[in-house]
Amino acid sequence: MPIIINLDVMLAKRKMRSTELAEKLGITTANLSIIKTGKAKAIRLTTLEAICEILDCQPADILEYVKGEE
């Protein structure tokens, strides 16, 4: 998939564990894991906004577009 999720990077920079972020977001660790691994087909903008609020970052810090090979 050409969209890379860099949530682990931001969690490490903020010295926060996945369980803590999931708790603050009000979602299960399993659902957060689906987002982190890129297996989610979509993410709500409200969820993205909450992640950015909690981690004090921009959406571009979490989502990265990588052009596919031609």
PDB file of N, CA and C in Angstrom:
ATOM      1  N   MET A   1       0.855  -1.176   0.000  1.00  0.00           N
ATOM      2  CA  MET A   1       0.000   0.000   0.000  1.00  0.00           C
ATOM      3  C   MET A   1       0.900   1.238   0.000  1.00  0.00           C
ATOM      4  N   PRO A   2       0.582   2.233  -0.801  1.00  0.00           N
ATOM      5  CA  PRO A   2       1.432   3.415  -0.886  1.00  0.00           C
ATOM      6  C   PRO A   2       1.321   4.372   0.308  1.00  0.00           C
ATOM      7  N   ILE A   3       0.388   4.137   1.230  1.00  0.00           N
ATOM      8  CA  ILE A   3       0.279   4.971   2.429  1.00  0.00           C
ATOM      9  C   ILE A   3       0.948   4.230   3.589  1.00  0.00           C
ATOM     10  N   ILE A   4       1.948   4.857   4.173  1.00  0.00           N
ATOM     11  CA  ILE A   4       2.682   4.277   5.286  1.00  0.00           C
ATOM     12  C   ILE A   4       2.225   4.959   6.574  1.00  0.00           C
ATOM     13  N   ILE A   5       1.967   4.174   7.608  1.00  0.00           N
ATOM     14  CA  ILE A   5       1.551   4.698   8.906  1.00  0.00           C
ATOM     15  C   ILE A   5       2.776   4.730   9.811  1.00  0.00           C
ATOM     16  N   ASN A   6       3.169   5.905  10.241  1.00  0.00           N
ATOM     17  CA  ASN A   6       4.344   6.083  11.094  1.00  0.00           C
ATOM     18  C   ASN A   6       3.965   6.348  12.548  1.00  0.00           C
ATOM     19  N   LEU A   7       2.910   5.716  12.995  1.00  0.00           N
ATOM     20  CA  LEU A   7       2.429   5.948  14.359  1.00  0.00           C
ATOM     21  C   LEU A   7       3.440   5.463  15.395  1.00  0.00           C
ATOM     22  N   ASP A   8       4.110   4.350  15.123  1.00  0.00           N
ATOM     23  CA  ASP A   8       5.128   3.846  16.051  1.00  0.00           C
ATOM     24  C   ASP A   8       6.249   4.859  16.253  1.00  0.00           C
ATOM     25  N   VAL A   9       6.619   5.533  15.179  1.00  0.00           N
ATOM     26  CA  VAL A   9       7.683   6.539  15.251  1.00  0.00           C
ATOM     27  C   VAL A   9       7.262   7.675  16.184  1.00  0.00           C
ATOM     28  N   MET A  10       6.042   8.161  16.002  1.00  0.00           N
ATOM     29  CA  MET A  10       5.562   9.266  16.846  1.00  0.00           C
ATOM     30  C   MET A  10       5.397   8.831  18.302  1.00  0.00           C
ATOM     31  N   LEU A  11       4.942   7.599  18.506  1.00  0.00           N
ATOM     32  CA  LEU A  11       4.820   7.094  19.877  1.00  0.00           C
ATOM     33  C   LEU A  11       6.192   7.057  20.543  1.00  0.00           C
ATOM     34  N   ALA A  12       7.194   6.602  19.813  1.00  0.00           N
ATOM     35  CA  ALA A  12       8.555   6.539  20.362  1.00  0.00           C
ATOM     36  C   ALA A  12       9.085   7.938  20.667  1.00  0.00           C
ATOM     37  N   LYS A  13       8.842   8.882  19.758  1.00  0.00           N
ATOM     38  CA  LYS A  13       9.299  10.261  19.977  1.00  0.00           C
ATOM     39  C   LYS A  13       8.654  10.878  21.209  1.00  0.00           C
ATOM     40  N   ARG A  14       7.404  10.513  21.459  1.00  0.00           N
ATOM     41  CA  ARG A  14       6.668  11.072  22.603  1.00  0.00           C
ATOM     42  C   ARG A  14       6.801  10.204  23.851  1.00  0.00           C
ATOM     43  N   LYS A  15       7.560   9.096  23.725  1.00  0.00           N
ATOM     44  CA  LYS A  15       7.777   8.169  24.839  1.00  0.00           C
ATOM     45  C   LYS A  15       6.449   7.715  25.432  1.00  0.00           C
ATOM     46  N   MET A  16       5.547   7.297  24.546  1.00  0.00           N
ATOM     47  CA  MET A  16       4.229   6.838  24.953  1.00  0.00           C
ATOM     48  C   MET A  16       4.018   5.417  24.441  1.00  0.00           C
ATOM     49  N   ARG A  17       3.359   4.624  25.233  1.00  0.00           N
ATOM     50  CA  ARG A  17       3.049   3.251  24.834  1.00  0.00           C
ATOM     51  C   ARG A  17       1.713   3.214  24.094  1.00  0.00           C
ATOM     52  N   SER A  18       1.565   2.197  23.274  1.00  0.00           N
ATOM     53  CA  SER A  18       0.326   2.012  22.509  1.00  0.00           C
ATOM     54  C   SER A  18      -0.879   1.907  23.423  1.00  0.00           C
ATOM     55  N   THR A  19      -0.722   1.208  24.541  1.00  0.00           N
ATOM     56  CA  THR A  19      -1.849   1.035  25.454  1.00  0.00           C
ATOM     57  C   THR A  19      -2.316   2.374  26.022  1.00  0.00           C
ATOM     58  N   GLU A  20      -1.361   3.261  26.295  1.00  0.00           N
ATOM     59  CA  GLU A  20      -1.714   4.585  26.819  1.00  0.00           C
ATOM     60  C   GLU A  20      -2.460   5.403  25.763  1.00  0.00           C
ATOM     61  N   LEU A  21      -1.979   5.356  24.515  1.00  0.00           N
ATOM     62  CA  LEU A  21      -2.652   6.084  23.441  1.00  0.00           C
ATOM     63  C   LEU A  21      -4.052   5.536  23.218  1.00  0.00           C
ATOM     64  N   ALA A  22      -4.184   4.215  23.183  1.00  0.00           N
ATOM     65  CA  ALA A  22      -5.501   3.598  22.981  1.00  0.00           C
ATOM     66  C   ALA A  22      -6.468   4.028  24.079  1.00  0.00           C
ATOM     67  N   GLU A  23      -5.982   4.049  25.296  1.00  0.00           N
ATOM     68  CA  GLU A  23      -6.817   4.456  26.430  1.00  0.00           C
ATOM     69  C   GLU A  23      -7.275   5.907  26.276  1.00  0.00           C
ATOM     70  N   LYS A  24      -6.346   6.794  25.907  1.00  0.00           N
ATOM     71  CA  LYS A  24      -6.690   8.209  25.733  1.00  0.00           C
ATOM     72  C   LYS A  24      -7.644   8.417  24.561  1.00  0.00           C
ATOM     73  N   LEU A  25      -7.515   7.571  23.526  1.00  0.00           N
ATOM     74  CA  LEU A  25      -8.399   7.672  22.362  1.00  0.00           C
ATOM     75  C   LEU A  25      -9.769   7.066  22.633  1.00  0.00           C
ATOM     76  N   GLY A  26      -9.832   6.165  23.598  1.00  0.00           N
ATOM     77  CA  GLY A  26     -11.085   5.474  23.884  1.00  0.00           C
ATOM     78  C   GLY A  26     -11.338   4.338  22.907  1.00  0.00           C
ATOM     79  N   ILE A  27     -10.254   3.723  22.408  1.00  0.00           N
ATOM     80  CA  ILE A  27     -10.394   2.570  21.515  1.00  0.00           C
ATOM     81  C   ILE A  27      -9.594   1.409  22.103  1.00  0.00           C
ATOM     82  N   THR A  28      -9.851   0.218  21.599  1.00  0.00           N
ATOM     83  CA  THR A  28      -9.132  -0.947  22.098  1.00  0.00           C
ATOM     84  C   THR A  28      -7.715  -0.973  21.537  1.00  0.00           C
ATOM     85  N   THR A  29      -6.835  -1.653  22.228  1.00  0.00           N
ATOM     86  CA  THR A  29      -5.467  -1.799  21.730  1.00  0.00           C
ATOM     87  C   THR A  29      -5.460  -2.586  20.429  1.00  0.00           C
ATOM     88  N   ALA A  30      -6.419  -3.498  20.261  1.00  0.00           N
ATOM     89  CA  ALA A  30      -6.515  -4.264  19.016  1.00  0.00           C
ATOM     90  C   ALA A  30      -6.834  -3.340  17.837  1.00  0.00           C
ATOM     91  N   ASN A  31      -7.766  -2.409  18.037  1.00  0.00           N
ATOM     92  CA  ASN A  31      -8.098  -1.467  16.963  1.00  0.00           C
ATOM     93  C   ASN A  31      -6.937  -0.525  16.668  1.00  0.00           C
ATOM     94  N   LEU A  32      -6.221  -0.103  17.698  1.00  0.00           N
ATOM     95  CA  LEU A  32      -5.054   0.750  17.487  1.00  0.00           C
ATOM     96  C   LEU A  32      -3.983  -0.019  16.718  1.00  0.00           C
ATOM     97  N   SER A  33      -3.837  -1.284  17.021  1.00  0.00           N
ATOM     98  CA  SER A  33      -2.860  -2.124  16.323  1.00  0.00           C
ATOM     99  C   SER A  33      -3.193  -2.231  14.840  1.00  0.00           C
ATOM    100  N   ILE A  34      -4.459  -2.320  14.513  1.00  0.00           N
ATOM    101  CA  ILE A  34      -4.897  -2.379  13.110  1.00  0.00           C
ATOM    102  C   ILE A  34      -4.506  -1.092  12.390  1.00  0.00           C
ATOM    103  N   ILE A  35      -4.664   0.023  13.049  1.00  0.00           N
ATOM    104  CA  ILE A  35      -4.266   1.313  12.461  1.00  0.00           C
ATOM    105  C   ILE A  35      -2.749   1.357  12.300  1.00  0.00           C
ATOM    106  N   LYS A  36      -2.019   0.995  13.359  1.00  0.00           N
ATOM    107  CA  LYS A  36      -0.554   1.068  13.353  1.00  0.00           C
ATOM    108  C   LYS A  36       0.078   0.199  12.276  1.00  0.00           C
ATOM    109  N   THR A  37      -0.489  -0.967  12.037  1.00  0.00           N
ATOM    110  CA  THR A  37       0.097  -1.896  11.060  1.00  0.00           C
ATOM    111  C   THR A  37      -0.323  -1.588   9.632  1.00  0.00           C
ATOM    112  N   GLY A  38      -1.207  -0.616   9.464  1.00  0.00           N
ATOM    113  CA  GLY A  38      -1.647  -0.259   8.117  1.00  0.00           C
ATOM    114  C   GLY A  38      -2.703  -1.185   7.558  1.00  0.00           C
ATOM    115  N   LYS A  39      -3.289  -2.023   8.404  1.00  0.00           N
ATOM    116  CA  LYS A  39      -4.314  -2.963   7.948  1.00  0.00           C
ATOM    117  C   LYS A  39      -5.699  -2.327   7.881  1.00  0.00           C
ATOM    118  N   ALA A  40      -5.838  -1.147   8.461  1.00  0.00           N
ATOM    119  CA  ALA A  40      -7.119  -0.445   8.419  1.00  0.00           C
ATOM    120  C   ALA A  40      -7.357   0.077   7.004  1.00  0.00           C
ATOM    121  N   LYS A  41      -8.554  -0.078   6.516  1.00  0.00           N
ATOM    122  CA  LYS A  41      -8.903   0.420   5.184  1.00  0.00           C
ATOM    123  C   LYS A  41      -9.219   1.911   5.221  1.00  0.00           C
ATOM    124  N   ALA A  42      -9.550   2.398   6.403  1.00  0.00           N
ATOM    125  CA  ALA A  42      -9.897   3.818   6.554  1.00  0.00           C
ATOM    126  C   ALA A  42      -9.656   4.216   8.001  1.00  0.00           C
ATOM    127  N   ILE A  43      -9.524   5.520   8.205  1.00  0.00           N
ATOM    128  CA  ILE A  43      -9.413   6.063   9.557  1.00  0.00           C
ATOM    129  C   ILE A  43     -10.275   7.320   9.601  1.00  0.00           C
ATOM    130  N   ARG A  44     -11.084   7.414  10.617  1.00  0.00           N
ATOM    131  CA  ARG A  44     -11.944   8.587  10.750  1.00  0.00           C
ATOM    132  C   ARG A  44     -11.098   9.820  11.002  1.00  0.00           C
ATOM    133  N   LEU A  45     -11.525  10.923  10.429  1.00  0.00           N
ATOM    134  CA  LEU A  45     -10.802  12.168  10.646  1.00  0.00           C
ATOM    135  C   LEU A  45     -10.832  12.578  12.109  1.00  0.00           C
ATOM    136  N   THR A  46     -11.897  12.245  12.799  1.00  0.00           N
ATOM    137  CA  THR A  46     -11.965  12.562  14.226  1.00  0.00           C
ATOM    138  C   THR A  46     -10.922  11.758  15.003  1.00  0.00           C
ATOM    139  N   THR A  47     -10.674  10.517  14.585  1.00  0.00           N
ATOM    140  CA  THR A  47      -9.648   9.693  15.223  1.00  0.00           C
ATOM    141  C   THR A  47      -8.268  10.251  14.920  1.00  0.00           C
ATOM    142  N   LEU A  48      -8.041  10.630  13.668  1.00  0.00           N
ATOM    143  CA  LEU A  48      -6.760  11.223  13.274  1.00  0.00           C
ATOM    144  C   LEU A  48      -6.527  12.527  14.041  1.00  0.00           C
ATOM    145  N   GLU A  49      -7.579  13.327  14.164  1.00  0.00           N
ATOM    146  CA  GLU A  49      -7.482  14.584  14.910  1.00  0.00           C
ATOM    147  C   GLU A  49      -7.118  14.320  16.367  1.00  0.00           C
ATOM    148  N   ALA A  50      -7.752  13.321  16.970  1.00  0.00           N
ATOM    149  CA  ALA A  50      -7.469  12.993  18.372  1.00  0.00           C
ATOM    150  C   ALA A  50      -6.037  12.495  18.546  1.00  0.00           C
ATOM    151  N   ILE A  51      -5.561  11.677  17.609  1.00  0.00           N
ATOM    152  CA  ILE A  51      -4.183  11.196  17.667  1.00  0.00           C
ATOM    153  C   ILE A  51      -3.222  12.382  17.604  1.00  0.00           C
ATOM    154  N   CYS A  52      -3.468  13.297  16.676  1.00  0.00           N
ATOM    155  CA  CYS A  52      -2.613  14.477  16.528  1.00  0.00           C
ATOM    156  C   CYS A  52      -2.653  15.352  17.780  1.00  0.00           C
ATOM    157  N   GLU A  53      -3.822  15.478  18.376  1.00  0.00           N
ATOM    158  CA  GLU A  53      -3.973  16.265  19.602  1.00  0.00           C
ATOM    159  C   GLU A  53      -3.167  15.644  20.737  1.00  0.00           C
ATOM    160  N   ILE A  54      -3.313  14.347  20.915  1.00  0.00           N
ATOM    161  CA  ILE A  54      -2.647  13.644  22.014  1.00  0.00           C
ATOM    162  C   ILE A  54      -1.130  13.631  21.823  1.00  0.00           C
ATOM    163  N   LEU A  55      -0.680  13.376  20.580  1.00  0.00           N
ATOM    164  CA  LEU A  55       0.756  13.272  20.311  1.00  0.00           C
ATOM    165  C   LEU A  55       1.392  14.610  19.937  1.00  0.00           C
ATOM    166  N   ASP A  56       0.575  15.667  19.893  1.00  0.00           N
ATOM    167  CA  ASP A  56       1.051  17.007  19.535  1.00  0.00           C
ATOM    168  C   ASP A  56       1.851  16.956  18.231  1.00  0.00           C
ATOM    169  N   CYS A  57       1.171  16.517  17.167  1.00  0.00           N
ATOM    170  CA  CYS A  57       1.830  16.383  15.872  1.00  0.00           C
ATOM    171  C   CYS A  57       0.852  16.741  14.753  1.00  0.00           C
ATOM    172  N   GLN A  58       1.317  16.678  13.540  1.00  0.00           N
ATOM    173  CA  GLN A  58       0.509  16.938  12.356  1.00  0.00           C
ATOM    174  C   GLN A  58       0.188  15.608  11.677  1.00  0.00           C
ATOM    175  N   PRO A  59      -0.910  15.543  10.884  1.00  0.00           N
ATOM    176  CA  PRO A  59      -1.229  14.307  10.170  1.00  0.00           C
ATOM    177  C   PRO A  59      -0.058  13.795   9.314  1.00  0.00           C
ATOM    178  N   ALA A  60       0.721  14.704   8.741  1.00  0.00           N
ATOM    179  CA  ALA A  60       1.863  14.305   7.904  1.00  0.00           C
ATOM    180  C   ALA A  60       2.963  13.628   8.723  1.00  0.00           C
ATOM    181  N   ASP A  61       2.954  13.815  10.038  1.00  0.00           N
ATOM    182  CA  ASP A  61       3.911  13.111  10.888  1.00  0.00           C
ATOM    183  C   ASP A  61       3.542  11.641  11.035  1.00  0.00           C
ATOM    184  N   ILE A  62       2.284  11.328  10.785  1.00  0.00           N
ATOM    185  CA  ILE A  62       1.775   9.965  10.965  1.00  0.00           C
ATOM    186  C   ILE A  62       1.570   9.257   9.632  1.00  0.00           C
ATOM    187  N   LEU A  63       1.045   9.978   8.649  1.00  0.00           N
ATOM    188  CA  LEU A  63       0.745   9.388   7.340  1.00  0.00           C
ATOM    189  C   LEU A  63       1.770   9.825   6.313  1.00  0.00           C
ATOM    190  N   GLU A  64       2.259   8.866   5.539  1.00  0.00           N
ATOM    191  CA  GLU A  64       3.258   9.153   4.513  1.00  0.00           C
ATOM    192  C   GLU A  64       2.859   8.449   3.224  1.00  0.00           C
ATOM    193  N   TYR A  65       2.908   9.173   2.128  1.00  0.00           N
ATOM    194  CA  TYR A  65       2.610   8.600   0.820  1.00  0.00           C
ATOM    195  C   TYR A  65       3.920   8.231   0.133  1.00  0.00           C
ATOM    196  N   VAL A  66       4.018   6.979  -0.285  1.00  0.00           N
ATOM    197  CA  VAL A  66       5.201   6.505  -0.996  1.00  0.00           C
ATOM    198  C   VAL A  66       4.748   6.048  -2.378  1.00  0.00           C
ATOM    199  N   LYS A  67       5.260   6.727  -3.381  1.00  0.00           N
ATOM    200  CA  LYS A  67       4.869   6.414  -4.751  1.00  0.00           C
ATOM    201  C   LYS A  67       5.299   4.983  -5.096  1.00  0.00           C
ATOM    202  N   GLY A  68       4.383   4.232  -5.700  1.00  0.00           N
ATOM    203  CA  GLY A  68       4.671   2.852  -6.081  1.00  0.00           C
ATOM    204  C   GLY A  68       5.649   2.773  -7.240  1.00  0.00           C
ATOM    205  N   GLU A  69       6.285   1.615  -7.362  1.00  0.00           N
ATOM    206  CA  GLU A  69       7.228   1.410  -8.445  1.00  0.00           C
ATOM    207  C   GLU A  69       6.489   1.209  -9.754  1.00  0.00           C
ATOM    208  N   GLU A  70       7.042   1.751 -10.818  1.00  0.00           N
ATOM    209  CA  GLU A  70       6.389   1.646 -12.131  1.00  0.00           C
ATOM    210  C   GLU A  70       7.023   0.578 -12.960  1.00  0.00           C
TER     211      GLU A  70
END
